[in-house]
């Protein structure tokens, strides 16, 4: 498992959290319980299985729902 911190553009409304969580929880390999959206910092933190899903697929899921990724920082758990 890997942990990733994803920096998004400024989030404008709390309903963004629901949209982002929904998009990420549908990505295969993402630990659904680990998905945390930090609204004030415009960041997402989650754990995922890199063998099942590449980081690019997670970033694409965010972009698809309207939240382009500014940067990502991955760490081993």
C-alpha atoms as a PDB file:
ATOM      1  CA  UNK A   1       0.000   0.000   0.000  1.00  0.00           C
ATOM      2  CA  UNK A   2       1.038   3.556  -0.686  1.00  0.00           C
ATOM      3  CA  UNK A   3      -0.101   6.822   0.837  1.00  0.00           C
ATOM      4  CA  UNK A   4      -0.577   9.824  -1.403  1.00  0.00           C
ATOM      5  CA  UNK A   5      -1.125  13.507  -0.664  1.00  0.00           C
ATOM      6  CA  UNK A   6      -2.807  15.252  -3.573  1.00  0.00           C
ATOM      7  CA  UNK A   7      -2.924  19.043  -3.886  1.00  0.00           C
ATOM      8  CA  UNK A   8      -5.961  20.351  -5.748  1.00  0.00           C
ATOM      9  CA  UNK A   9      -6.980  23.793  -6.903  1.00  0.00           C
ATOM     10  CA  UNK A  10      -8.834  25.769  -4.226  1.00  0.00           C
ATOM     11  CA  UNK A  11     -12.046  24.007  -3.212  1.00  0.00           C
ATOM     12  CA  UNK A  12     -14.976  26.402  -3.256  1.00  0.00           C
ATOM     13  CA  UNK A  13     -17.791  24.581  -1.460  1.00  0.00           C
ATOM     14  CA  UNK A  14     -18.243  21.786   1.079  1.00  0.00           C
ATOM     15  CA  UNK A  15     -20.263  19.754  -1.446  1.00  0.00           C
ATOM     16  CA  UNK A  16     -16.952  19.334  -3.308  1.00  0.00           C
ATOM     17  CA  UNK A  17     -15.962  16.870  -0.575  1.00  0.00           C
ATOM     18  CA  UNK A  18     -18.836  14.520  -1.422  1.00  0.00           C
ATOM     19  CA  UNK A  19     -18.036  14.621  -5.146  1.00  0.00           C
ATOM     20  CA  UNK A  20     -14.330  13.971  -4.597  1.00  0.00           C
ATOM     21  CA  UNK A  21     -14.897  11.143  -2.094  1.00  0.00           C
ATOM     22  CA  UNK A  22     -17.437   9.516  -4.401  1.00  0.00           C
ATOM     23  CA  UNK A  23     -15.072   9.615  -7.368  1.00  0.00           C
ATOM     24  CA  UNK A  24     -12.135   8.192  -5.416  1.00  0.00           C
ATOM     25  CA  UNK A  25     -14.050   5.475  -3.597  1.00  0.00           C
ATOM     26  CA  UNK A  26     -15.058   4.033  -6.989  1.00  0.00           C
ATOM     27  CA  UNK A  27     -11.430   3.585  -8.104  1.00  0.00           C
ATOM     28  CA  UNK A  28     -10.253  -0.017  -7.809  1.00  0.00           C
ATOM     29  CA  UNK A  29      -7.389  -0.401  -5.329  1.00  0.00           C
ATOM     30  CA  UNK A  30      -8.235   2.694  -3.253  1.00  0.00           C
ATOM     31  CA  UNK A  31      -8.736   2.000   0.466  1.00  0.00           C
ATOM     32  CA  UNK A  32     -12.179   3.574   0.809  1.00  0.00           C
ATOM     33  CA  UNK A  33     -11.846   4.100   4.577  1.00  0.00           C
ATOM     34  CA  UNK A  34      -8.618   6.065   4.107  1.00  0.00           C
ATOM     35  CA  UNK A  35      -9.993   8.755   1.760  1.00  0.00           C
ATOM     36  CA  UNK A  36      -9.831  12.122   3.561  1.00  0.00           C
ATOM     37  CA  UNK A  37     -10.558  15.469   1.907  1.00  0.00           C
ATOM     38  CA  UNK A  38      -9.032  18.446   3.705  1.00  0.00           C
ATOM     39  CA  UNK A  39     -11.301  21.234   2.500  1.00  0.00           C
ATOM     40  CA  UNK A  40      -9.398  24.222   3.932  1.00  0.00           C
ATOM     41  CA  UNK A  41      -6.073  22.990   2.536  1.00  0.00           C
ATOM     42  CA  UNK A  42      -7.601  21.762  -0.772  1.00  0.00           C
ATOM     43  CA  UNK A  43      -5.851  18.417  -0.283  1.00  0.00           C
ATOM     44  CA  UNK A  44      -6.818  14.777  -0.507  1.00  0.00           C
ATOM     45  CA  UNK A  45      -5.021  12.035   1.425  1.00  0.00           C
ATOM     46  CA  UNK A  46      -5.620   8.357   0.740  1.00  0.00           C
ATOM     47  CA  UNK A  47      -4.059   4.902   0.715  1.00  0.00           C
ATOM     48  CA  UNK A  48      -4.066   2.734  -2.385  1.00  0.00           C
ATOM     49  CA  UNK A  49      -2.623  -0.475  -3.771  1.00  0.00           C
ATOM     50  CA  UNK A  50      -0.183   0.527  -6.486  1.00  0.00           C
ATOM     51  CA  UNK A  51      -0.255  -3.020  -7.900  1.00  0.00           C
ATOM     52  CA  UNK A  52      -3.982  -2.597  -8.701  1.00  0.00           C
ATOM     53  CA  UNK A  53      -4.142   1.082  -9.605  1.00  0.00           C
ATOM     54  CA  UNK A  54      -1.486   3.543 -10.777  1.00  0.00           C
ATOM     55  CA  UNK A  55      -1.496   7.048  -9.309  1.00  0.00           C
ATOM     56  CA  UNK A  56      -2.317   8.425 -12.761  1.00  0.00           C
ATOM     57  CA  UNK A  57      -5.678   6.635 -12.648  1.00  0.00           C
ATOM     58  CA  UNK A  58      -6.524   8.288  -9.306  1.00  0.00           C
ATOM     59  CA  UNK A  59      -5.523  11.684 -10.707  1.00  0.00           C
ATOM     60  CA  UNK A  60      -7.654  11.038 -13.810  1.00  0.00           C
ATOM     61  CA  UNK A  61     -10.690  10.222 -11.640  1.00  0.00           C
ATOM     62  CA  UNK A  62     -10.297  13.600  -9.896  1.00  0.00           C
ATOM     63  CA  UNK A  63      -9.907  15.480 -13.181  1.00  0.00           C
ATOM     64  CA  UNK A  64     -12.948  13.728 -14.624  1.00  0.00           C
ATOM     65  CA  UNK A  65     -15.185  15.193 -11.862  1.00  0.00           C
ATOM     66  CA  UNK A  66     -13.681  18.670 -12.301  1.00  0.00           C
ATOM     67  CA  UNK A  67     -10.780  18.789  -9.833  1.00  0.00           C
ATOM     68  CA  UNK A  68      -7.427  18.954 -11.637  1.00  0.00           C
ATOM     69  CA  UNK A  69      -4.411  17.799  -9.641  1.00  0.00           C
ATOM     70  CA  UNK A  70      -1.713  20.427  -9.032  1.00  0.00           C
ATOM     71  CA  UNK A  71       0.746  18.018  -7.398  1.00  0.00           C
ATOM     72  CA  UNK A  72       0.977  14.584  -5.790  1.00  0.00           C
ATOM     73  CA  UNK A  73       3.367  13.246  -3.172  1.00  0.00           C
ATOM     74  CA  UNK A  74       3.498   9.498  -2.666  1.00  0.00           C
ATOM     75  CA  UNK A  75       4.925   7.650   0.354  1.00  0.00           C
ATOM     76  CA  UNK A  76       5.263   3.994   1.271  1.00  0.00           C
ATOM     77  CA  UNK A  77       3.316   2.844   4.298  1.00  0.00           C
END
